Amino acid sequence: MSGMFDPNTHIQTVVIVGCGGTGAQVARIVARLLYDMRRARLHTPNLLLIDPDHVEEKNVGRQLFTPADAALKLPKAEVVGKRLNMALGMDIAWCVEPFNAEKHGSRYGSQLVIGCVDNHLARRELHAAKGILIGAGNYRDGGQVIIGNTGDADLMRRHLDGKDGKYAYLPKEGLVFPSLLEPEAPAPEPQPALSCAELVLRGEQDVLVNDWIACVVGQYTAALLRRQPIRTFASFVSLDGMSIRSLPICREELSAYVPEGT
């Protein structure tokens, strides 16, 4: 029988790290959620966008940017923040430097951090951040979304059964998939690292994969902000099979990713 994630926290700030293919779409979804909450006169968390990258021509079309953004080499976080503020009358803030767990995570109180990055160094910082983390990642025609709030394996092992059907702790993506925190193994022959945008241009990544991942992230975020039941901790998207498979919160599934100690 599956349990329910109950972190017993009131989210004061949502921090989205990465405003590219997935991150920009996530920002659009989260801004709409916050707009709807504000319209209903509910407590509305602050929204902060973080991304040190600037818009390039290869980002246009696949991401939420225009040729003018690329020509001016504008910061991605600034472009997305300003557009959403203008469209929805929001007060979204942005930061154009790399995410730092200590600097950006210690002054915002109870927070939800959403990671939409594609390198192990950024994921390490996300793994160290306080609060709840929703980590998103993708490959050619699929990807995964993991929601968790602890990177402590011992702590997670002690709470594999939850309490009265409620789980105060779930494993972060770096605990579920430790390889995400490590450099990728080198290819047999040295090859230049390609961004998601470059992979799309070469036809090696589906144009819509980021949209699918963003929708899953958005659903987890909506449930968390609205204090609705969250009964899964990992979701796997397959565009090839037009499917989303989610793992229920229970000892059997959690222990497979957080093995019990000896």
C-alpha atoms as a PDB file:
ATOM      1  CA  MET A   1       0.000   0.000   0.000  1.00  0.00           C
ATOM      2  CA  SER A   2       1.413   3.369  -1.011  1.00  0.00           C
ATOM      3  CA  GLY A   3       1.893   6.239   1.391  1.00  0.00           C
ATOM      4  CA  MET A   4       1.771  10.004   1.042  1.00  0.00           C
ATOM      5  CA  PHE A   5       4.562  12.582   1.131  1.00  0.00           C
ATOM      6  CA  ASP A   6       3.949  14.941   4.053  1.00  0.00           C
ATOM      7  CA  PRO A   7       6.990  17.202   4.603  1.00  0.00           C
ATOM      8  CA  ASN A   8       4.982  19.391   6.994  1.00  0.00           C
ATOM      9  CA  THR A   9       6.313  22.616   5.520  1.00  0.00           C
ATOM     10  CA  HIS A  10       4.784  25.777   4.123  1.00  0.00           C
ATOM     11  CA  ILE A  11       6.593  26.764   0.935  1.00  0.00           C
ATOM     12  CA  GLN A  12       7.638  30.424   1.018  1.00  0.00           C
ATOM     13  CA  THR A  13       9.844  30.486  -2.071  1.00  0.00           C
ATOM     14  CA  VAL A  14      10.078  28.512  -5.305  1.00  0.00           C
ATOM     15  CA  VAL A  15      13.536  28.583  -6.889  1.00  0.00           C
ATOM     16  CA  ILE A  16      13.881  27.371 -10.474  1.00  0.00           C
ATOM     17  CA  VAL A  17      17.476  26.619 -11.437  1.00  0.00           C
ATOM     18  CA  GLY A  18      17.988  26.543 -15.189  1.00  0.00           C
ATOM     19  CA  CYS A  19      15.837  28.494 -17.657  1.00  0.00           C
ATOM     20  CA  GLY A  20      16.551  26.597 -20.851  1.00  0.00           C
ATOM     21  CA  GLY A  21      14.518  23.934 -22.626  1.00  0.00           C
ATOM     22  CA  THR A  22      12.835  22.457 -19.561  1.00  0.00           C
ATOM     23  CA  GLY A  23      13.369  25.310 -17.093  1.00  0.00           C
ATOM     24  CA  ALA A  24      11.664  28.009 -19.159  1.00  0.00           C
ATOM     25  CA  GLN A  25       8.616  25.778 -19.609  1.00  0.00           C
ATOM     26  CA  VAL A  26       8.600  24.988 -15.883  1.00  0.00           C
ATOM     27  CA  ALA A  27       8.792  28.707 -15.091  1.00  0.00           C
ATOM     28  CA  ARG A  28       5.784  29.343 -17.299  1.00  0.00           C
ATOM     29  CA  ILE A  29       3.780  26.614 -15.529  1.00  0.00           C
ATOM     30  CA  VAL A  30       4.798  27.667 -12.017  1.00  0.00           C
ATOM     31  CA  ALA A  31       4.028  31.333 -12.739  1.00  0.00           C
ATOM     32  CA  ARG A  32       0.523  30.320 -13.844  1.00  0.00           C
ATOM     33  CA  LEU A  33       0.066  28.275 -10.660  1.00  0.00           C
ATOM     34  CA  LEU A  34       1.145  31.218  -8.502  1.00  0.00           C
ATOM     35  CA  TYR A  35      -1.082  33.591 -10.463  1.00  0.00           C
ATOM     36  CA  ASP A  36      -4.030  31.291  -9.846  1.00  0.00           C
ATOM     37  CA  MET A  37      -3.198  31.087  -6.134  1.00  0.00           C
ATOM     38  CA  ARG A  38      -2.971  34.863  -5.877  1.00  0.00           C
ATOM     39  CA  ARG A  39      -6.278  35.276  -7.672  1.00  0.00           C
ATOM     40  CA  ALA A  40      -7.848  32.897  -5.151  1.00  0.00           C
ATOM     41  CA  ARG A  41      -6.317  35.051  -2.370  1.00  0.00           C
ATOM     42  CA  LEU A  42      -4.143  32.237  -1.102  1.00  0.00           C
ATOM     43  CA  HIS A  43      -0.656  32.713   0.293  1.00  0.00           C
ATOM     44  CA  THR A  44       1.552  32.955  -2.787  1.00  0.00           C
ATOM     45  CA  PRO A  45       5.236  31.969  -2.579  1.00  0.00           C
ATOM     46  CA  ASN A  46       7.939  34.127  -4.123  1.00  0.00           C
ATOM     47  CA  LEU A  47       9.476  32.902  -7.375  1.00  0.00           C
ATOM     48  CA  LEU A  48      13.182  33.171  -8.162  1.00  0.00           C
ATOM     49  CA  LEU A  49      14.769  32.149 -11.479  1.00  0.00           C
ATOM     50  CA  ILE A  50      18.471  31.313 -11.611  1.00  0.00           C
ATOM     51  CA  ASP A  51      20.557  30.790 -14.744  1.00  0.00           C
ATOM     52  CA  PRO A  52      23.969  32.211 -15.703  1.00  0.00           C
ATOM     53  CA  ASP A  53      23.534  31.468 -19.417  1.00  0.00           C
ATOM     54  CA  HIS A  54      22.674  33.923 -22.172  1.00  0.00           C
ATOM     55  CA  VAL A  55      20.348  33.307 -25.124  1.00  0.00           C
ATOM     56  CA  GLU A  56      21.985  31.959 -28.268  1.00  0.00           C
ATOM     57  CA  GLU A  57      20.580  31.514 -31.742  1.00  0.00           C
ATOM     58  CA  LYS A  58      20.365  27.736 -31.268  1.00  0.00           C
ATOM     59  CA  ASN A  59      17.926  28.302 -28.372  1.00  0.00           C
ATOM     60  CA  VAL A  60      15.321  30.072 -30.518  1.00  0.00           C
ATOM     61  CA  GLY A  61      12.269  27.956 -31.333  1.00  0.00           C
ATOM     62  CA  ARG A  62      13.095  25.084 -29.006  1.00  0.00           C
ATOM     63  CA  GLN A  63      13.133  27.350 -25.966  1.00  0.00           C
ATOM     64  CA  LEU A  64      10.972  30.364 -25.094  1.00  0.00           C
ATOM     65  CA  PHE A  65      13.216  32.921 -26.759  1.00  0.00           C
ATOM     66  CA  THR A  66      13.143  35.122 -29.850  1.00  0.00           C
ATOM     67  CA  PRO A  67      15.778  35.973 -32.467  1.00  0.00           C
ATOM     68  CA  ALA A  68      16.063  39.429 -30.863  1.00  0.00           C
ATOM     69  CA  ASP A  69      16.928  37.832 -27.501  1.00  0.00           C
ATOM     70  CA  ALA A  70      19.707  35.889 -29.202  1.00  0.00           C
ATOM     71  CA  ALA A  71      21.000  38.886 -31.156  1.00  0.00           C
ATOM     72  CA  LEU A  72      21.307  40.868 -27.921  1.00  0.00           C
ATOM     73  CA  LYS A  73      22.663  37.868 -25.987  1.00  0.00           C
ATOM     74  CA  LEU A  74      20.255  38.568 -23.141  1.00  0.00           C
ATOM     75  CA  PRO A  75      20.378  36.513 -19.909  1.00  0.00           C
ATOM     76  CA  LYS A  76      17.895  33.636 -20.024  1.00  0.00           C
ATOM     77  CA  ALA A  77      16.631  34.147 -16.472  1.00  0.00           C
ATOM     78  CA  GLU A  78      16.026  37.840 -17.072  1.00  0.00           C
ATOM     79  CA  VAL A  79      14.159  37.273 -20.340  1.00  0.00           C
ATOM     80  CA  VAL A  80      11.867  34.621 -18.857  1.00  0.00           C
ATOM     81  CA  GLY A  81      11.270  36.616 -15.663  1.00  0.00           C
ATOM     82  CA  LYS A  82      10.433  39.862 -17.439  1.00  0.00           C
ATOM     83  CA  ARG A  83       8.088  38.171 -19.913  1.00  0.00           C
ATOM     84  CA  LEU A  84       6.141  36.392 -17.186  1.00  0.00           C
ATOM     85  CA  ASN A  85       5.987  39.532 -15.069  1.00  0.00           C
ATOM     86  CA  MET A  86       4.607  41.478 -18.001  1.00  0.00           C
ATOM     87  CA  ALA A  87       2.125  38.775 -18.981  1.00  0.00           C
ATOM     88  CA  LEU A  88       0.764  38.023 -15.502  1.00  0.00           C
ATOM     89  CA  GLY A  89       1.574  41.104 -13.439  1.00  0.00           C
ATOM     90  CA  MET A  90       3.889  39.042 -11.227  1.00  0.00           C
ATOM     91  CA  ASP A  91       6.928  40.090  -9.219  1.00  0.00           C
ATOM     92  CA  ILE A  92       9.305  37.323 -10.267  1.00  0.00           C
ATOM     93  CA  ALA A  93      12.959  37.832  -9.383  1.00  0.00           C
ATOM     94  CA  TRP A  94      15.959  36.462 -11.242  1.00  0.00           C
ATOM     95  CA  CYS A  95      19.655  35.871 -10.747  1.00  0.00           C
ATOM     96  CA  VAL A  96      22.223  35.588 -13.554  1.00  0.00           C
ATOM     97  CA  GLU A  97      24.902  33.658 -11.709  1.00  0.00           C
ATOM     98  CA  PRO A  98      25.343  29.930 -11.026  1.00  0.00           C
ATOM     99  CA  PHE A  99      23.215  28.439  -8.270  1.00  0.00           C
ATOM    100  CA  ASN A 100      25.001  28.145  -4.953  1.00  0.00           C
ATOM    101  CA  ALA A 101      23.349  26.067  -2.228  1.00  0.00           C
ATOM    102  CA  GLU A 102      24.651  28.261   0.587  1.00  0.00           C
ATOM    103  CA  LYS A 103      24.130  31.645  -1.030  1.00  0.00           C
ATOM    104  CA  HIS A 104      20.769  31.076  -2.659  1.00  0.00           C
ATOM    105  CA  GLY A 105      19.323  28.548  -0.261  1.00  0.00           C
ATOM    106  CA  SER A 106      19.864  29.973   3.200  1.00  0.00           C
ATOM    107  CA  ARG A 107      17.888  33.190   3.131  1.00  0.00           C
ATOM    108  CA  TYR A 108      14.571  32.154   1.613  1.00  0.00           C
ATOM    109  CA  GLY A 109      13.018  30.138   4.433  1.00  0.00           C
ATOM    110  CA  SER A 110      11.007  27.060   3.514  1.00  0.00           C
ATOM    111  CA  GLN A 111      11.665  26.531  -0.139  1.00  0.00           C
ATOM    112  CA  LEU A 112      11.017  24.340  -3.116  1.00  0.00           C
ATOM    113  CA  VAL A 113      13.992  24.101  -5.460  1.00  0.00           C
ATOM    114  CA  ILE A 114      13.350  22.872  -8.995  1.00  0.00           C
ATOM    115  CA  GLY A 115      16.446  21.703 -10.850  1.00  0.00           C
ATOM    116  CA  CYS A 116      16.412  21.861 -14.641  1.00  0.00           C
ATOM    117  CA  VAL A 117      20.133  21.512 -15.302  1.00  0.00           C
ATOM    118  CA  ASP A 118      22.244  19.164 -17.394  1.00  0.00           C
ATOM    119  CA  ASN A 119      25.594  18.884 -15.629  1.00  0.00           C
ATOM    120  CA  HIS A 120      26.855  17.136 -12.515  1.00  0.00           C
ATOM    121  CA  LEU A 121      28.370  20.221 -10.868  1.00  0.00           C
ATOM    122  CA  ALA A 122      25.046  22.052 -10.838  1.00  0.00           C
ATOM    123  CA  ARG A 123      23.297  18.911  -9.576  1.00  0.00           C
ATOM    124  CA  ARG A 124      25.761  18.684  -6.694  1.00  0.00           C
ATOM    125  CA  GLU A 125      24.786  22.188  -5.597  1.00  0.00           C
ATOM    126  CA  LEU A 126      21.105  21.307  -5.914  1.00  0.00           C
ATOM    127  CA  HIS A 127      21.678  18.156  -3.871  1.00  0.00           C
ATOM    128  CA  ALA A 128      23.170  20.301  -1.079  1.00  0.00           C
ATOM    129  CA  ALA A 129      20.327  22.828  -1.073  1.00  0.00           C
ATOM    130  CA  LYS A 130      17.909  23.021   1.835  1.00  0.00           C
ATOM    131  CA  GLY A 131      14.222  22.285   1.391  1.00  0.00           C
ATOM    132  CA  ILE A 132      12.392  20.127  -1.111  1.00  0.00           C
ATOM    133  CA  LEU A 133      14.037  19.385  -4.440  1.00  0.00           C
ATOM    134  CA  ILE A 134      12.294  18.427  -7.658  1.00  0.00           C
ATOM    135  CA  GLY A 135      14.996  17.268 -10.025  1.00  0.00           C
ATOM    136  CA  ALA A 136      14.315  16.954 -13.744  1.00  0.00           C
ATOM    137  CA  GLY A 137      16.441  15.330 -16.399  1.00  0.00           C
ATOM    138  CA  ASN A 138      15.966  14.090 -19.935  1.00  0.00           C
ATOM    139  CA  TYR A 139      17.598  12.241 -22.808  1.00  0.00           C
ATOM    140  CA  ARG A 140      16.641  11.852 -26.473  1.00  0.00           C
ATOM    141  CA  ASP A 141      12.976  10.894 -26.107  1.00  0.00           C
ATOM    142  CA  GLY A 142      12.327  10.559 -22.396  1.00  0.00           C
ATOM    143  CA  GLY A 143      13.450  11.517 -18.931  1.00  0.00           C
ATOM    144  CA  GLN A 144      12.721  11.459 -15.231  1.00  0.00           C
ATOM    145  CA  VAL A 145      11.428  13.681 -12.443  1.00  0.00           C
ATOM    146  CA  ILE A 146      12.318  12.968  -8.797  1.00  0.00           C
ATOM    147  CA  ILE A 147      10.884  14.714  -5.734  1.00  0.00           C
ATOM    148  CA  GLY A 148      12.736  14.467  -2.424  1.00  0.00           C
ATOM    149  CA  ASN A 149      13.978  16.371   0.582  1.00  0.00           C
ATOM    150  CA  THR A 150      16.941  14.431   1.939  1.00  0.00           C
ATOM    151  CA  GLY A 151      20.275  13.249   0.629  1.00  0.00           C
ATOM    152  CA  ASP A 152      21.028  11.371   3.868  1.00  0.00           C
ATOM    153  CA  ALA A 153      20.831   7.647   3.143  1.00  0.00           C
ATOM    154  CA  ASP A 154      20.829   6.673   6.834  1.00  0.00           C
ATOM    155  CA  LEU A 155      17.957   9.041   7.578  1.00  0.00           C
ATOM    156  CA  MET A 156      15.999   7.696   4.623  1.00  0.00           C
ATOM    157  CA  ARG A 157      16.542   4.089   5.707  1.00  0.00           C
ATOM    158  CA  ARG A 158      15.063   4.895   9.114  1.00  0.00           C
ATOM    159  CA  HIS A 159      11.910   6.243   7.466  1.00  0.00           C
ATOM    160  CA  LEU A 160      11.253   3.639   4.784  1.00  0.00           C
ATOM    161  CA  ASP A 161       7.930   2.744   6.403  1.00  0.00           C
ATOM    162  CA  GLY A 162       6.693   6.248   7.057  1.00  0.00           C
ATOM    163  CA  LYS A 163       4.316   6.881   9.943  1.00  0.00           C
ATOM    164  CA  ASP A 164       0.569   6.332   9.728  1.00  0.00           C
ATOM    165  CA  GLY A 165       0.870   6.240   5.945  1.00  0.00           C
ATOM    166  CA  LYS A 166       2.715   9.562   5.812  1.00  0.00           C
ATOM    167  CA  TYR A 167       6.329  10.059   4.789  1.00  0.00           C
ATOM    168  CA  ALA A 168       8.218  13.068   6.121  1.00  0.00           C
ATOM    169  CA  TYR A 169      11.257  12.220   3.981  1.00  0.00           C
ATOM    170  CA  LEU A 170      11.857  11.204   0.395  1.00  0.00           C
ATOM    171  CA  PRO A 171      15.241  10.716  -1.305  1.00  0.00           C
ATOM    172  CA  LYS A 172      16.590  13.480  -3.522  1.00  0.00           C
ATOM    173  CA  GLU A 173      17.548  12.665  -7.111  1.00  0.00           C
ATOM    174  CA  GLY A 174      21.226  12.388  -6.173  1.00  0.00           C
ATOM    175  CA  LEU A 175      20.385   9.640  -3.695  1.00  0.00           C
ATOM    176  CA  VAL A 176      18.089   7.834  -6.137  1.00  0.00           C
ATOM    177  CA  PHE A 177      20.602   8.107  -9.006  1.00  0.00           C
ATOM    178  CA  PRO A 178      24.087   8.812  -7.574  1.00  0.00           C
ATOM    179  CA  SER A 179      25.559   8.832 -11.083  1.00  0.00           C
ATOM    180  CA  LEU A 180      23.846  12.190 -11.702  1.00  0.00           C
ATOM    181  CA  LEU A 181      26.314  13.764  -9.277  1.00  0.00           C
ATOM    182  CA  GLU A 182      29.347  12.356 -11.088  1.00  0.00           C
ATOM    183  CA  PRO A 183      30.995  13.316 -14.399  1.00  0.00           C
ATOM    184  CA  GLU A 184      29.851  11.312 -17.379  1.00  0.00           C
ATOM    185  CA  ALA A 185      32.196   8.543 -18.464  1.00  0.00           C
ATOM    186  CA  PRO A 186      34.377   9.706 -21.380  1.00  0.00           C
ATOM    187  CA  ALA A 187      33.459   8.457 -24.817  1.00  0.00           C
ATOM    188  CA  PRO A 188      35.815   5.989 -26.555  1.00  0.00           C
ATOM    189  CA  GLU A 189      36.903   8.873 -28.797  1.00  0.00           C
ATOM    190  CA  PRO A 190      36.948  12.442 -27.418  1.00  0.00           C
ATOM    191  CA  GLN A 191      33.865  14.319 -28.579  1.00  0.00           C
ATOM    192  CA  PRO A 192      32.759  17.866 -27.776  1.00  0.00           C
ATOM    193  CA  ALA A 193      29.951  18.067 -25.218  1.00  0.00           C
ATOM    194  CA  LEU A 194      26.681  19.070 -26.858  1.00  0.00           C
ATOM    195  CA  SER A 195      23.890  21.052 -25.259  1.00  0.00           C
ATOM    196  CA  CYS A 196      20.257  20.020 -25.492  1.00  0.00           C
ATOM    197  CA  ALA A 197      19.694  22.718 -28.106  1.00  0.00           C
ATOM    198  CA  GLU A 198      22.532  21.378 -30.253  1.00  0.00           C
ATOM    199  CA  LEU A 199      21.156  17.844 -29.953  1.00  0.00           C
ATOM    200  CA  VAL A 200      17.762  19.075 -31.202  1.00  0.00           C
ATOM    201  CA  LEU A 201      19.399  20.795 -34.171  1.00  0.00           C
ATOM    202  CA  ARG A 202      21.161  17.527 -35.039  1.00  0.00           C
ATOM    203  CA  GLY A 203      17.924  15.588 -34.700  1.00  0.00           C
ATOM    204  CA  GLU A 204      19.257  13.665 -31.710  1.00  0.00           C
ATOM    205  CA  GLN A 205      16.695  14.946 -29.202  1.00  0.00           C
ATOM    206  CA  ASP A 206      12.926  15.235 -29.525  1.00  0.00           C
ATOM    207  CA  VAL A 207      11.724  18.832 -29.693  1.00  0.00           C
ATOM    208  CA  LEU A 208       8.872  18.126 -27.258  1.00  0.00           C
ATOM    209  CA  VAL A 209      10.714  16.127 -24.593  1.00  0.00           C
ATOM    210  CA  ASN A 210      11.259  19.218 -22.426  1.00  0.00           C
ATOM    211  CA  ASP A 211       7.539  20.053 -22.538  1.00  0.00           C
ATOM    212  CA  TRP A 212       6.619  16.596 -21.281  1.00  0.00           C
ATOM    213  CA  ILE A 213       9.142  16.777 -18.448  1.00  0.00           C
ATOM    214  CA  ALA A 214       7.976  20.276 -17.512  1.00  0.00           C
ATOM    215  CA  CYS A 215       4.352  19.128 -17.239  1.00  0.00           C
ATOM    216  CA  VAL A 216       5.328  16.382 -14.796  1.00  0.00           C
ATOM    217  CA  VAL A 217       7.354  18.861 -12.739  1.00  0.00           C
ATOM    218  CA  GLY A 218       4.372  21.207 -12.817  1.00  0.00           C
ATOM    219  CA  GLN A 219       2.018  18.536 -11.497  1.00  0.00           C
ATOM    220  CA  TYR A 220       4.286  17.712  -8.554  1.00  0.00           C
ATOM    221  CA  THR A 221       4.639  21.447  -7.856  1.00  0.00           C
ATOM    222  CA  ALA A 222       0.899  22.060  -8.017  1.00  0.00           C
ATOM    223  CA  ALA A 223       0.177  19.251  -5.576  1.00  0.00           C
ATOM    224  CA  LEU A 224       2.867  20.476  -3.191  1.00  0.00           C
ATOM    225  CA  LEU A 225       1.751  24.115  -3.214  1.00  0.00           C
ATOM    226  CA  ARG A 226      -1.910  23.201  -2.864  1.00  0.00           C
ATOM    227  CA  ARG A 227      -1.151  20.723  -0.069  1.00  0.00           C
ATOM    228  CA  GLN A 228      -2.668  17.907  -2.105  1.00  0.00           C
ATOM    229  CA  PRO A 229      -1.623  14.254  -1.682  1.00  0.00           C
ATOM    230  CA  ILE A 230       1.653  13.282  -3.351  1.00  0.00           C
ATOM    231  CA  ARG A 231       1.748   9.499  -3.612  1.00  0.00           C
ATOM    232  CA  THR A 232       4.712   8.979  -5.947  1.00  0.00           C
ATOM    233  CA  PHE A 233       8.364  10.000  -5.671  1.00  0.00           C
ATOM    234  CA  ALA A 234       9.672   9.339  -9.177  1.00  0.00           C
ATOM    235  CA  SER A 235       8.123   9.633 -12.628  1.00  0.00           C
ATOM    236  CA  PHE A 236       9.597   8.343 -15.873  1.00  0.00           C
ATOM    237  CA  VAL A 237       8.525   9.786 -19.213  1.00  0.00           C
ATOM    238  CA  SER A 238       8.700   7.961 -22.540  1.00  0.00           C
ATOM    239  CA  LEU A 239       7.761   9.802 -25.711  1.00  0.00           C
ATOM    240  CA  ASP A 240       8.296   6.631 -27.710  1.00  0.00           C
ATOM    241  CA  GLY A 241       5.587   4.897 -25.705  1.00  0.00           C
ATOM    242  CA  MET A 242       3.560   8.074 -25.044  1.00  0.00           C
ATOM    243  CA  SER A 243       3.605   7.150 -21.360  1.00  0.00           C
ATOM    244  CA  ILE A 244       4.447   8.318 -17.849  1.00  0.00           C
ATOM    245  CA  ARG A 245       5.268   5.678 -15.233  1.00  0.00           C
ATOM    246  CA  SER A 246       5.408   6.750 -11.584  1.00  0.00           C
ATOM    247  CA  LEU A 247       6.734   4.852  -8.561  1.00  0.00           C
ATOM    248  CA  PRO A 248       4.486   4.769  -5.483  1.00  0.00           C
ATOM    249  CA  ILE A 249       5.785   5.879  -2.107  1.00  0.00           C
ATOM    250  CA  CYS A 250       6.259   2.638  -0.190  1.00  0.00           C
ATOM    251  CA  ARG A 251       9.027   0.569   1.386  1.00  0.00           C
ATOM    252  CA  GLU A 252       9.342  -1.787  -1.567  1.00  0.00           C
ATOM    253  CA  GLU A 253       9.973   0.949  -4.124  1.00  0.00           C
ATOM    254  CA  LEU A 254      12.025   3.236  -1.878  1.00  0.00           C
ATOM    255  CA  SER A 255      14.298   0.446  -0.644  1.00  0.00           C
ATOM    256  CA  ALA A 256      15.193  -0.411  -4.231  1.00  0.00           C
ATOM    257  CA  TYR A 257      16.801   3.022  -4.559  1.00  0.00           C
ATOM    258  CA  VAL A 258      17.953   3.407  -0.945  1.00  0.00           C
ATOM    259  CA  PRO A 259      19.234  -0.080  -0.001  1.00  0.00           C
ATOM    260  CA  GLU A 260      19.089  -0.976   3.660  1.00  0.00           C
ATOM    261  CA  GLY A 261      22.409  -1.012   5.455  1.00  0.00           C
ATOM    262  CA  THR A 262      23.933  -4.143   6.846  1.00  0.00           C
END
